[in-house]
Amino acid sequence: MSLFDFNHDGIVSESERAIALGAILSAISEIDTDAEISVSIEEDEDYESLSPDELADRWDDLRIQRDILDSEEPDDPDSEAYEEWEEQRELLDEKIEEIEDLIEG
């Protein structure tokens, strides 16, 4: 049994992983004020091969990652950290929009 199997179904879903990641990143940022938060995004994901349920799960995961990233927005819009944050945010938005297009499609 995994610590991150929140619904106790014996499987750690992508959503459960994303929630766990958010909790861990939040805890780290509370402990270390200099901690750098980043979100891992696979740039070449093939969403067209996913089932509708898998697309919905991936969409949820990406939205959670974006919410986590939004909570860590750097204060200085002229900083390098803000540039990196903005690039990650734009990539997440593109992926979310791509999945939305497939779902509506």
PDB file of N, CA and C in Angstrom:
ATOM      1  N   MET A   1       0.843  -1.186   0.000  1.00  0.00           N
ATOM      2  CA  MET A   1       0.000   0.000   0.000  1.00  0.00           C
ATOM      3  C   MET A   1       0.885   1.245   0.000  1.00  0.00           C
ATOM      4  N   SER A   2       0.615   2.171  -0.876  1.00  0.00           N
ATOM      5  CA  SER A   2       1.399   3.379  -1.008  1.00  0.00           C
ATOM      6  C   SER A   2       0.829   4.501  -0.147  1.00  0.00           C
ATOM      7  N   LEU A   3       1.723   5.309   0.346  1.00  0.00           N
ATOM      8  CA  LEU A   3       1.336   6.477   1.136  1.00  0.00           C
ATOM      9  C   LEU A   3       0.457   7.430   0.307  1.00  0.00           C
ATOM     10  N   PHE A   4       0.659   7.434  -1.004  1.00  0.00           N
ATOM     11  CA  PHE A   4      -0.049   8.370  -1.869  1.00  0.00           C
ATOM     12  C   PHE A   4      -1.286   7.782  -2.539  1.00  0.00           C
ATOM     13  N   ASP A   5      -1.683   6.594  -2.153  1.00  0.00           N
ATOM     14  CA  ASP A   5      -2.920   5.979  -2.655  1.00  0.00           C
ATOM     15  C   ASP A   5      -4.070   6.481  -1.779  1.00  0.00           C
ATOM     16  N   PHE A   6      -4.487   7.719  -2.032  1.00  0.00           N
ATOM     17  CA  PHE A   6      -5.440   8.404  -1.160  1.00  0.00           C
ATOM     18  C   PHE A   6      -6.821   7.754  -1.115  1.00  0.00           C
ATOM     19  N   ASN A   7      -7.248   7.141  -2.211  1.00  0.00           N
ATOM     20  CA  ASN A   7      -8.577   6.517  -2.213  1.00  0.00           C
ATOM     21  C   ASN A   7      -8.510   5.018  -1.911  1.00  0.00           C
ATOM     22  N   HIS A   8      -7.315   4.515  -1.606  1.00  0.00           N
ATOM     23  CA  HIS A   8      -7.101   3.119  -1.183  1.00  0.00           C
ATOM     24  C   HIS A   8      -7.620   2.089  -2.181  1.00  0.00           C
ATOM     25  N   ASP A   9      -7.437   2.384  -3.484  1.00  0.00           N
ATOM     26  CA  ASP A   9      -7.864   1.413  -4.496  1.00  0.00           C
ATOM     27  C   ASP A   9      -6.711   0.515  -4.955  1.00  0.00           C
ATOM     28  N   GLY A  10      -5.538   0.676  -4.345  1.00  0.00           N
ATOM     29  CA  GLY A  10      -4.390  -0.136  -4.695  1.00  0.00           C
ATOM     30  C   GLY A  10      -3.574   0.408  -5.854  1.00  0.00           C
ATOM     31  N   ILE A  11      -4.003   1.535  -6.436  1.00  0.00           N
ATOM     32  CA  ILE A  11      -3.324   2.148  -7.579  1.00  0.00           C
ATOM     33  C   ILE A  11      -3.074   3.613  -7.263  1.00  0.00           C
ATOM     34  N   VAL A  12      -1.858   4.072  -7.519  1.00  0.00           N
ATOM     35  CA  VAL A  12      -1.557   5.497  -7.353  1.00  0.00           C
ATOM     36  C   VAL A  12      -1.758   6.155  -8.716  1.00  0.00           C
ATOM     37  N   SER A  13      -2.869   6.883  -8.855  1.00  0.00           N
ATOM     38  CA  SER A  13      -3.209   7.513 -10.132  1.00  0.00           C
ATOM     39  C   SER A  13      -2.356   8.763 -10.354  1.00  0.00           C
ATOM     40  N   GLU A  14      -2.400   9.277 -11.582  1.00  0.00           N
ATOM     41  CA  GLU A  14      -1.687  10.512 -11.897  1.00  0.00           C
ATOM     42  C   GLU A  14      -2.185  11.662 -11.023  1.00  0.00           C
ATOM     43  N   SER A  15      -3.479  11.715 -10.768  1.00  0.00           N
ATOM     44  CA  SER A  15      -4.031  12.769  -9.916  1.00  0.00           C
ATOM     45  C   SER A  15      -3.499  12.664  -8.500  1.00  0.00           C
ATOM     46  N   GLU A  16      -3.428  11.455  -7.978  1.00  0.00           N
ATOM     47  CA  GLU A  16      -2.892  11.261  -6.626  1.00  0.00           C
ATOM     48  C   GLU A  16      -1.419  11.653  -6.576  1.00  0.00           C
ATOM     49  N   ARG A  17      -0.675  11.333  -7.618  1.00  0.00           N
ATOM     50  CA  ARG A  17       0.737  11.740  -7.691  1.00  0.00           C
ATOM     51  C   ARG A  17       0.863  13.258  -7.713  1.00  0.00           C
ATOM     52  N   ALA A  18       0.009  13.913  -8.486  1.00  0.00           N
ATOM     53  CA  ALA A  18       0.068  15.369  -8.577  1.00  0.00           C
ATOM     54  C   ALA A  18      -0.274  16.018  -7.235  1.00  0.00           C
ATOM     55  N   ILE A  19      -1.275  15.479  -6.547  1.00  0.00           N
ATOM     56  CA  ILE A  19      -1.644  16.008  -5.238  1.00  0.00           C
ATOM     57  C   ILE A  19      -0.486  15.813  -4.257  1.00  0.00           C
ATOM     58  N   ALA A  20       0.130  14.640  -4.286  1.00  0.00           N
ATOM     59  CA  ALA A  20       1.267  14.373  -3.404  1.00  0.00           C
ATOM     60  C   ALA A  20       2.416  15.316  -3.723  1.00  0.00           C
ATOM     61  N   LEU A  21       2.682  15.529  -5.011  1.00  0.00           N
ATOM     62  CA  LEU A  21       3.737  16.444  -5.417  1.00  0.00           C
ATOM     63  C   LEU A  21       3.450  17.845  -4.878  1.00  0.00           C
ATOM     64  N   GLY A  22       2.217  18.278  -4.991  1.00  0.00           N
ATOM     65  CA  GLY A  22       1.848  19.593  -4.482  1.00  0.00           C
ATOM     66  C   GLY A  22       2.075  19.712  -2.990  1.00  0.00           C
ATOM     67  N   ALA A  23       1.715  18.678  -2.253  1.00  0.00           N
ATOM     68  CA  ALA A  23       1.903  18.690  -0.804  1.00  0.00           C
ATOM     69  C   ALA A  23       3.382  18.737  -0.451  1.00  0.00           C
ATOM     70  N   ILE A  24       4.183  17.955  -1.168  1.00  0.00           N
ATOM     71  CA  ILE A  24       5.616  17.930  -0.906  1.00  0.00           C
ATOM     72  C   ILE A  24       6.257  19.272  -1.242  1.00  0.00           C
ATOM     73  N   LEU A  25       5.934  19.822  -2.397  1.00  0.00           N
ATOM     74  CA  LEU A  25       6.503  21.111  -2.787  1.00  0.00           C
ATOM     75  C   LEU A  25       6.084  22.224  -1.834  1.00  0.00           C
ATOM     76  N   SER A  26       4.856  22.173  -1.395  1.00  0.00           N
ATOM     77  CA  SER A  26       4.373  23.161  -0.437  1.00  0.00           C
ATOM     78  C   SER A  26       5.133  23.060   0.879  1.00  0.00           C
ATOM     79  N   ALA A  27       5.336  21.839   1.346  1.00  0.00           N
ATOM     80  CA  ALA A  27       6.072  21.635   2.598  1.00  0.00           C
ATOM     81  C   ALA A  27       7.517  22.105   2.459  1.00  0.00           C
ATOM     82  N   ILE A  28       8.147  21.813   1.333  1.00  0.00           N
ATOM     83  CA  ILE A  28       9.538  22.243   1.114  1.00  0.00           C
ATOM     84  C   ILE A  28       9.625  23.756   1.100  1.00  0.00           C
ATOM     85  N   SER A  29       8.695  24.399   0.427  1.00  0.00           N
ATOM     86  CA  SER A  29       8.763  25.862   0.343  1.00  0.00           C
ATOM     87  C   SER A  29       8.520  26.516   1.696  1.00  0.00           C
ATOM     88  N   GLU A  30       7.797  25.845   2.584  1.00  0.00           N
ATOM     89  CA  GLU A  30       7.588  26.367   3.939  1.00  0.00           C
ATOM     90  C   GLU A  30       8.844  26.211   4.783  1.00  0.00           C
ATOM     91  N   ILE A  31       9.587  25.140   4.546  1.00  0.00           N
ATOM     92  CA  ILE A  31      10.799  24.873   5.328  1.00  0.00           C
ATOM     93  C   ILE A  31      11.953  25.737   4.854  1.00  0.00           C
ATOM     94  N   ASP A  32      12.155  25.820   3.572  1.00  0.00           N
ATOM     95  CA  ASP A  32      13.298  26.509   2.990  1.00  0.00           C
ATOM     96  C   ASP A  32      12.789  27.638   2.112  1.00  0.00           C
ATOM     97  N   THR A  33      12.924  28.858   2.591  1.00  0.00           N
ATOM     98  CA  THR A  33      12.388  29.992   1.841  1.00  0.00           C
ATOM     99  C   THR A  33      13.146  30.235   0.542  1.00  0.00           C
ATOM    100  N   ASP A  34      14.341  29.628   0.396  1.00  0.00           N
ATOM    101  CA  ASP A  34      15.102  29.768  -0.839  1.00  0.00           C
ATOM    102  C   ASP A  34      14.871  28.600  -1.788  1.00  0.00           C
ATOM    103  N   ALA A  35      13.937  27.714  -1.438  1.00  0.00           N
ATOM    104  CA  ALA A  35      13.667  26.549  -2.279  1.00  0.00           C
ATOM    105  C   ALA A  35      13.116  26.999  -3.616  1.00  0.00           C
ATOM    106  N   GLU A  36      13.578  26.351  -4.671  1.00  0.00           N
ATOM    107  CA  GLU A  36      13.096  26.664  -6.006  1.00  0.00           C
ATOM    108  C   GLU A  36      12.085  25.606  -6.405  1.00  0.00           C
ATOM    109  N   ILE A  37      10.902  26.018  -6.783  1.00  0.00           N
ATOM    110  CA  ILE A  37       9.830  25.106  -7.139  1.00  0.00           C
ATOM    111  C   ILE A  37       9.759  25.012  -8.660  1.00  0.00           C
ATOM    112  N   SER A  38       9.702  23.783  -9.167  1.00  0.00           N
ATOM    113  CA  SER A  38       9.522  23.605 -10.602  1.00  0.00           C
ATOM    114  C   SER A  38       8.586  22.439 -10.836  1.00  0.00           C
ATOM    115  N   VAL A  39       7.974  22.451 -11.985  1.00  0.00           N
ATOM    116  CA  VAL A  39       7.037  21.407 -12.365  1.00  0.00           C
ATOM    117  C   VAL A  39       7.621  20.692 -13.564  1.00  0.00           C
ATOM    118  N   SER A  40       7.562  19.366 -13.540  1.00  0.00           N
ATOM    119  CA  SER A  40       8.092  18.569 -14.636  1.00  0.00           C
ATOM    120  C   SER A  40       7.000  18.352 -15.677  1.00  0.00           C
ATOM    121  N   ILE A  41       7.284  18.749 -16.897  1.00  0.00           N
ATOM    122  CA  ILE A  41       6.308  18.629 -17.974  1.00  0.00           C
ATOM    123  C   ILE A  41       6.979  17.930 -19.147  1.00  0.00           C
ATOM    124  N   GLU A  42       6.390  16.837 -19.590  1.00  0.00           N
ATOM    125  CA  GLU A  42       6.910  16.165 -20.766  1.00  0.00           C
ATOM    126  C   GLU A  42       6.418  16.915 -21.994  1.00  0.00           C
ATOM    127  N   GLU A  43       7.357  17.428 -22.764  1.00  0.00           N
ATOM    128  CA  GLU A  43       6.988  18.262 -23.905  1.00  0.00           C
ATOM    129  C   GLU A  43       6.413  17.480 -25.073  1.00  0.00           C
ATOM    130  N   ASP A  44       6.792  16.223 -25.229  1.00  0.00           N
ATOM    131  CA  ASP A  44       6.387  15.452 -26.407  1.00  0.00           C
ATOM    132  C   ASP A  44       5.351  14.387 -26.079  1.00  0.00           C
ATOM    133  N   GLU A  45       4.449  14.669 -25.196  1.00  0.00           N
ATOM    134  CA  GLU A  45       3.425  13.683 -24.863  1.00  0.00           C
ATOM    135  C   GLU A  45       2.468  13.511 -26.038  1.00  0.00           C
ATOM    136  N   ASP A  46       2.067  12.264 -26.270  1.00  0.00           N
ATOM    137  CA  ASP A  46       1.147  11.948 -27.355  1.00  0.00           C
ATOM    138  C   ASP A  46      -0.261  11.797 -26.782  1.00  0.00           C
ATOM    139  N   TYR A  47      -0.988  12.890 -26.710  1.00  0.00           N
ATOM    140  CA  TYR A  47      -2.316  12.875 -26.109  1.00  0.00           C
ATOM    141  C   TYR A  47      -3.349  12.192 -26.997  1.00  0.00           C
ATOM    142  N   GLU A  48      -3.109  12.161 -28.293  1.00  0.00           N
ATOM    143  CA  GLU A  48      -4.082  11.574 -29.208  1.00  0.00           C
ATOM    144  C   GLU A  48      -4.263  10.080 -28.997  1.00  0.00           C
ATOM    145  N   SER A  49      -3.283   9.432 -28.396  1.00  0.00           N
ATOM    146  CA  SER A  49      -3.380   7.995 -28.161  1.00  0.00           C
ATOM    147  C   SER A  49      -4.076   7.668 -26.835  1.00  0.00           C
ATOM    148  N   LEU A  50      -4.424   8.678 -26.061  1.00  0.00           N
ATOM    149  CA  LEU A  50      -5.056   8.449 -24.761  1.00  0.00           C
ATOM    150  C   LEU A  50      -6.569   8.289 -24.893  1.00  0.00           C
ATOM    151  N   SER A  51      -7.130   7.492 -23.998  1.00  0.00           N
ATOM    152  CA  SER A  51      -8.589   7.325 -23.950  1.00  0.00           C
ATOM    153  C   SER A  51      -9.208   8.594 -23.346  1.00  0.00           C
ATOM    154  N   PRO A  52     -10.519   8.780 -23.504  1.00  0.00           N
ATOM    155  CA  PRO A  52     -11.160   9.958 -22.906  1.00  0.00           C
ATOM    156  C   PRO A  52     -10.928  10.059 -21.395  1.00  0.00           C
ATOM    157  N   ASP A  53     -10.961   8.940 -20.685  1.00  0.00           N
ATOM    158  CA  ASP A  53     -10.705   8.961 -19.237  1.00  0.00           C
ATOM    159  C   ASP A  53      -9.269   9.360 -18.934  1.00  0.00           C
ATOM    160  N   GLU A  54      -8.331   8.838 -19.728  1.00  0.00           N
ATOM    161  CA  GLU A  54      -6.926   9.191 -19.533  1.00  0.00           C
ATOM    162  C   GLU A  54      -6.688  10.670 -19.842  1.00  0.00           C
ATOM    163  N   LEU A  55      -7.360  11.171 -20.879  1.00  0.00           N
ATOM    164  CA  LEU A  55      -7.254  12.602 -21.199  1.00  0.00           C
ATOM    165  C   LEU A  55      -7.775  13.453 -20.046  1.00  0.00           C
ATOM    166  N   ALA A  56      -8.914  13.065 -19.478  1.00  0.00           N
ATOM    167  CA  ALA A  56      -9.489  13.813 -18.361  1.00  0.00           C
ATOM    168  C   ALA A  56      -8.555  13.779 -17.151  1.00  0.00           C
ATOM    169  N   ASP A  57      -7.950  12.623 -16.878  1.00  0.00           N
ATOM    170  CA  ASP A  57      -7.003  12.516 -15.766  1.00  0.00           C
ATOM    171  C   ASP A  57      -5.775  13.391 -16.000  1.00  0.00           C
ATOM    172  N   ARG A  58      -5.262  13.356 -17.221  1.00  0.00           N
ATOM    173  CA  ARG A  58      -4.071  14.161 -17.543  1.00  0.00           C
ATOM    174  C   ARG A  58      -4.399  15.641 -17.471  1.00  0.00           C
ATOM    175  N   TRP A  59      -5.583  16.021 -17.929  1.00  0.00           N
ATOM    176  CA  TRP A  59      -6.030  17.418 -17.847  1.00  0.00           C
ATOM    177  C   TRP A  59      -6.085  17.857 -16.384  1.00  0.00           C
ATOM    178  N   ASP A  60      -6.657  16.999 -15.520  1.00  0.00           N
ATOM    179  CA  ASP A  60      -6.702  17.300 -14.086  1.00  0.00           C
ATOM    180  C   ASP A  60      -5.299  17.470 -13.516  1.00  0.00           C
ATOM    181  N   ASP A  61      -4.400  16.565 -13.876  1.00  0.00           N
ATOM    182  CA  ASP A  61      -3.026  16.628 -13.378  1.00  0.00           C
ATOM    183  C   ASP A  61      -2.348  17.939 -13.774  1.00  0.00           C
ATOM    184  N   LEU A  62      -2.509  18.307 -15.035  1.00  0.00           N
ATOM    185  CA  LEU A  62      -1.881  19.534 -15.512  1.00  0.00           C
ATOM    186  C   LEU A  62      -2.472  20.767 -14.839  1.00  0.00           C
ATOM    187  N   ARG A  63      -3.774  20.755 -14.597  1.00  0.00           N
ATOM    188  CA  ARG A  63      -4.409  21.887 -13.891  1.00  0.00           C
ATOM    189  C   ARG A  63      -3.881  21.996 -12.461  1.00  0.00           C
ATOM    190  N   ILE A  64      -3.694  20.853 -11.811  1.00  0.00           N
ATOM    191  CA  ILE A  64      -3.135  20.853 -10.452  1.00  0.00           C
ATOM    192  C   ILE A  64      -1.708  21.399 -10.478  1.00  0.00           C
ATOM    193  N   GLN A  65      -0.923  20.943 -11.444  1.00  0.00           N
ATOM    194  CA  GLN A  65       0.452  21.441 -11.563  1.00  0.00           C
ATOM    195  C   GLN A  65       0.459  22.947 -11.801  1.00  0.00           C
ATOM    196  N   ARG A  66      -0.476  23.426 -12.621  1.00  0.00           N
ATOM    197  CA  ARG A  66      -0.537  24.868 -12.886  1.00  0.00           C
ATOM    198  C   ARG A  66      -0.924  25.627 -11.623  1.00  0.00           C
ATOM    199  N   ASP A  67      -1.850  25.091 -10.846  1.00  0.00           N
ATOM    200  CA  ASP A  67      -2.238  25.738  -9.591  1.00  0.00           C
ATOM    201  C   ASP A  67      -1.058  25.802  -8.625  1.00  0.00           C
ATOM    202  N   ILE A  68      -0.296  24.713  -8.561  1.00  0.00           N
ATOM    203  CA  ILE A  68       0.890  24.690  -7.705  1.00  0.00           C
ATOM    204  C   ILE A  68       1.885  25.739  -8.176  1.00  0.00           C
ATOM    205  N   LEU A  69       2.116  25.767  -9.473  1.00  0.00           N
ATOM    206  CA  LEU A  69       3.048  26.730 -10.038  1.00  0.00           C
ATOM    207  C   LEU A  69       2.574  28.153  -9.784  1.00  0.00           C
ATOM    208  N   ASP A  70       1.288  28.406  -9.948  1.00  0.00           N
ATOM    209  CA  ASP A  70       0.740  29.742  -9.699  1.00  0.00           C
ATOM    210  C   ASP A  70       0.964  30.190  -8.261  1.00  0.00           C
ATOM    211  N   SER A  71       0.907  29.247  -7.332  1.00  0.00           N
ATOM    212  CA  SER A  71       1.101  29.606  -5.922  1.00  0.00           C
ATOM    213  C   SER A  71       2.548  29.978  -5.624  1.00  0.00           C
ATOM    214  N   GLU A  72       3.446  29.658  -6.536  1.00  0.00           N
ATOM    215  CA  GLU A  72       4.872  29.944  -6.349  1.00  0.00           C
ATOM    216  C   GLU A  72       5.367  31.046  -7.287  1.00  0.00           C
ATOM    217  N   GLU A  73       4.464  31.872  -7.780  1.00  0.00           N
ATOM    218  CA  GLU A  73       4.864  32.942  -8.697  1.00  0.00           C
ATOM    219  C   GLU A  73       5.858  33.887  -8.016  1.00  0.00           C
ATOM    220  N   PRO A  74       7.027  34.091  -8.634  1.00  0.00           N
ATOM    221  CA  PRO A  74       8.011  35.007  -8.048  1.00  0.00           C
ATOM    222  C   PRO A  74       7.472  36.438  -7.977  1.00  0.00           C
ATOM    223  N   ASP A  75       7.943  37.166  -6.977  1.00  0.00           N
ATOM    224  CA  ASP A  75       7.462  38.529  -6.765  1.00  0.00           C
ATOM    225  C   ASP A  75       7.997  39.523  -7.791  1.00  0.00           C
ATOM    226  N   ASP A  76       9.222  39.323  -8.240  1.00  0.00           N
ATOM    227  CA  ASP A  76       9.872  40.281  -9.132  1.00  0.00           C
ATOM    228  C   ASP A  76       9.694  39.867 -10.589  1.00  0.00           C
ATOM    229  N   PRO A  77       8.821  40.561 -11.327  1.00  0.00           N
ATOM    230  CA  PRO A  77       8.596  40.183 -12.728  1.00  0.00           C
ATOM    231  C   PRO A  77       9.807  40.418 -13.640  1.00  0.00           C
ATOM    232  N   ASP A  78      10.823  41.104 -13.139  1.00  0.00           N
ATOM    233  CA  ASP A  78      12.026  41.358 -13.938  1.00  0.00           C
ATOM    234  C   ASP A  78      13.143  40.358 -13.644  1.00  0.00           C
ATOM    235  N   SER A  79      12.883  39.375 -12.792  1.00  0.00           N
ATOM    236  CA  SER A  79      13.921  38.432 -12.386  1.00  0.00           C
ATOM    237  C   SER A  79      14.002  37.239 -13.336  1.00  0.00           C
ATOM    238  N   GLU A  80      15.137  36.545 -13.284  1.00  0.00           N
ATOM    239  CA  GLU A  80      15.311  35.321 -14.072  1.00  0.00           C
ATOM    240  C   GLU A  80      14.356  34.234 -13.581  1.00  0.00           C
ATOM    241  N   ALA A  81      14.133  34.205 -12.275  1.00  0.00           N
ATOM    242  CA  ALA A  81      13.211  33.218 -11.705  1.00  0.00           C
ATOM    243  C   ALA A  81      11.807  33.415 -12.277  1.00  0.00           C
ATOM    244  N   TYR A  82      11.408  34.665 -12.459  1.00  0.00           N
ATOM    245  CA  TYR A  82      10.083  34.942 -13.019  1.00  0.00           C
ATOM    246  C   TYR A  82      10.020  34.494 -14.466  1.00  0.00           C
ATOM    247  N   GLU A  83      11.101  34.708 -15.223  1.00  0.00           N
ATOM    248  CA  GLU A  83      11.140  34.264 -16.624  1.00  0.00           C
ATOM    249  C   GLU A  83      10.963  32.755 -16.728  1.00  0.00           C
ATOM    250  N   GLU A  84      11.688  32.018 -15.875  1.00  0.00           N
ATOM    251  CA  GLU A  84      11.578  30.564 -15.866  1.00  0.00           C
ATOM    252  C   GLU A  84      10.172  30.132 -15.466  1.00  0.00           C
ATOM    253  N   TRP A  85       9.628  30.804 -14.457  1.00  0.00           N
ATOM    254  CA  TRP A  85       8.271  30.499 -14.000  1.00  0.00           C
ATOM    255  C   TRP A  85       7.273  30.732 -15.137  1.00  0.00           C
ATOM    256  N   GLU A  86       7.431  31.844 -15.827  1.00  0.00           N
ATOM    257  CA  GLU A  86       6.516  32.192 -16.918  1.00  0.00           C
ATOM    258  C   GLU A  86       6.585  31.184 -18.063  1.00  0.00           C
ATOM    259  N   GLU A  87       7.804  30.698 -18.373  1.00  0.00           N
ATOM    260  CA  GLU A  87       7.958  29.694 -19.424  1.00  0.00           C
ATOM    261  C   GLU A  87       7.249  28.397 -19.037  1.00  0.00           C
ATOM    262  N   GLN A  88       7.409  27.979 -17.786  1.00  0.00           N
ATOM    263  CA  GLN A  88       6.735  26.765 -17.328  1.00  0.00           C
ATOM    264  C   GLN A  88       5.221  26.960 -17.361  1.00  0.00           C
ATOM    265  N   ARG A  89       4.760  28.127 -16.980  1.00  0.00           N
ATOM    266  CA  ARG A  89       3.318  28.425 -16.965  1.00  0.00           C
ATOM    267  C   ARG A  89       2.753  28.371 -18.382  1.00  0.00           C
ATOM    268  N   GLU A  90       3.470  28.956 -19.340  1.00  0.00           N
ATOM    269  CA  GLU A  90       3.014  28.950 -20.732  1.00  0.00           C
ATOM    270  C   GLU A  90       2.972  27.536 -21.298  1.00  0.00           C
ATOM    271  N   LEU A  91       3.982  26.719 -20.964  1.00  0.00           N
ATOM    272  CA  LEU A  91       4.001  25.341 -21.437  1.00  0.00           C
ATOM    273  C   LEU A  91       2.830  24.549 -20.865  1.00  0.00           C
ATOM    274  N   LEU A  92       2.550  24.747 -19.580  1.00  0.00           N
ATOM    275  CA  LEU A  92       1.391  24.086 -18.975  1.00  0.00           C
ATOM    276  C   LEU A  92       0.099  24.518 -19.661  1.00  0.00           C
ATOM    277  N   ASP A  93      -0.037  25.817 -19.902  1.00  0.00           N
ATOM    278  CA  ASP A  93      -1.243  26.321 -20.568  1.00  0.00           C
ATOM    279  C   ASP A  93      -1.413  25.707 -21.954  1.00  0.00           C
ATOM    280  N   GLU A  94      -0.308  25.569 -22.694  1.00  0.00           N
ATOM    281  CA  GLU A  94      -0.373  24.965 -24.028  1.00  0.00           C
ATOM    282  C   GLU A  94      -0.845  23.515 -23.951  1.00  0.00           C
ATOM    283  N   LYS A  95      -0.297  22.770 -22.991  1.00  0.00           N
ATOM    284  CA  LYS A  95      -0.677  21.366 -22.835  1.00  0.00           C
ATOM    285  C   LYS A  95      -2.144  21.233 -22.428  1.00  0.00           C
ATOM    286  N   ILE A  96      -2.582  22.083 -21.522  1.00  0.00           N
ATOM    287  CA  ILE A  96      -3.991  22.070 -21.091  1.00  0.00           C
ATOM    288  C   ILE A  96      -4.898  22.370 -22.268  1.00  0.00           C
ATOM    289  N   GLU A  97      -4.527  23.367 -23.058  1.00  0.00           N
ATOM    290  CA  GLU A  97      -5.343  23.735 -24.230  1.00  0.00           C
ATOM    291  C   GLU A  97      -5.360  22.612 -25.265  1.00  0.00           C
ATOM    292  N   GLU A  98      -4.230  21.948 -25.444  1.00  0.00           N
ATOM    293  CA  GLU A  98      -4.172  20.830 -26.388  1.00  0.00           C
ATOM    294  C   GLU A  98      -5.130  19.711 -25.975  1.00  0.00           C
ATOM    295  N   ILE A  99      -5.153  19.399 -24.703  1.00  0.00           N
ATOM    296  CA  ILE A  99      -6.050  18.350 -24.210  1.00  0.00           C
ATOM    297  C   ILE A  99      -7.503  18.797 -24.319  1.00  0.00           C
ATOM    298  N   GLU A 100      -7.777  20.067 -23.999  1.00  0.00           N
ATOM    299  CA  GLU A 100      -9.148  20.572 -24.122  1.00  0.00           C
ATOM    300  C   GLU A 100      -9.644  20.464 -25.556  1.00  0.00           C
ATOM    301  N   ASP A 101      -8.765  20.769 -26.515  1.00  0.00           N
ATOM    302  CA  ASP A 101      -9.149  20.650 -27.929  1.00  0.00           C
ATOM    303  C   ASP A 101      -9.497  19.205 -28.290  1.00  0.00           C
ATOM    304  N   LEU A 102      -8.703  18.250 -27.757  1.00  0.00           N
ATOM    305  CA  LEU A 102      -8.979  16.838 -28.041  1.00  0.00           C
ATOM    306  C   LEU A 102     -10.281  16.371 -27.379  1.00  0.00           C
ATOM    307  N   ILE A 103     -10.524  16.849 -26.170  1.00  0.00           N
ATOM    308  CA  ILE A 103     -11.745  16.469 -25.458  1.00  0.00           C
ATOM    309  C   ILE A 103     -12.978  17.009 -26.183  1.00  0.00           C
ATOM    310  N   GLU A 104     -12.885  18.266 -26.632  1.00  0.00           N
ATOM    311  CA  GLU A 104     -14.021  18.892 -27.327  1.00  0.00           C
ATOM    312  C   GLU A 104     -14.180  18.341 -28.746  1.00  0.00           C
ATOM    313  N   GLY A 105     -13.070  17.870 -29.309  1.00  0.00           N
ATOM    314  CA  GLY A 105     -12.937  17.501 -30.649  1.00  0.00           C
ATOM    315  C   GLY A 105     -13.724  16.655 -31.425  1.00  0.00           C
TER     316      GLY A 105
END
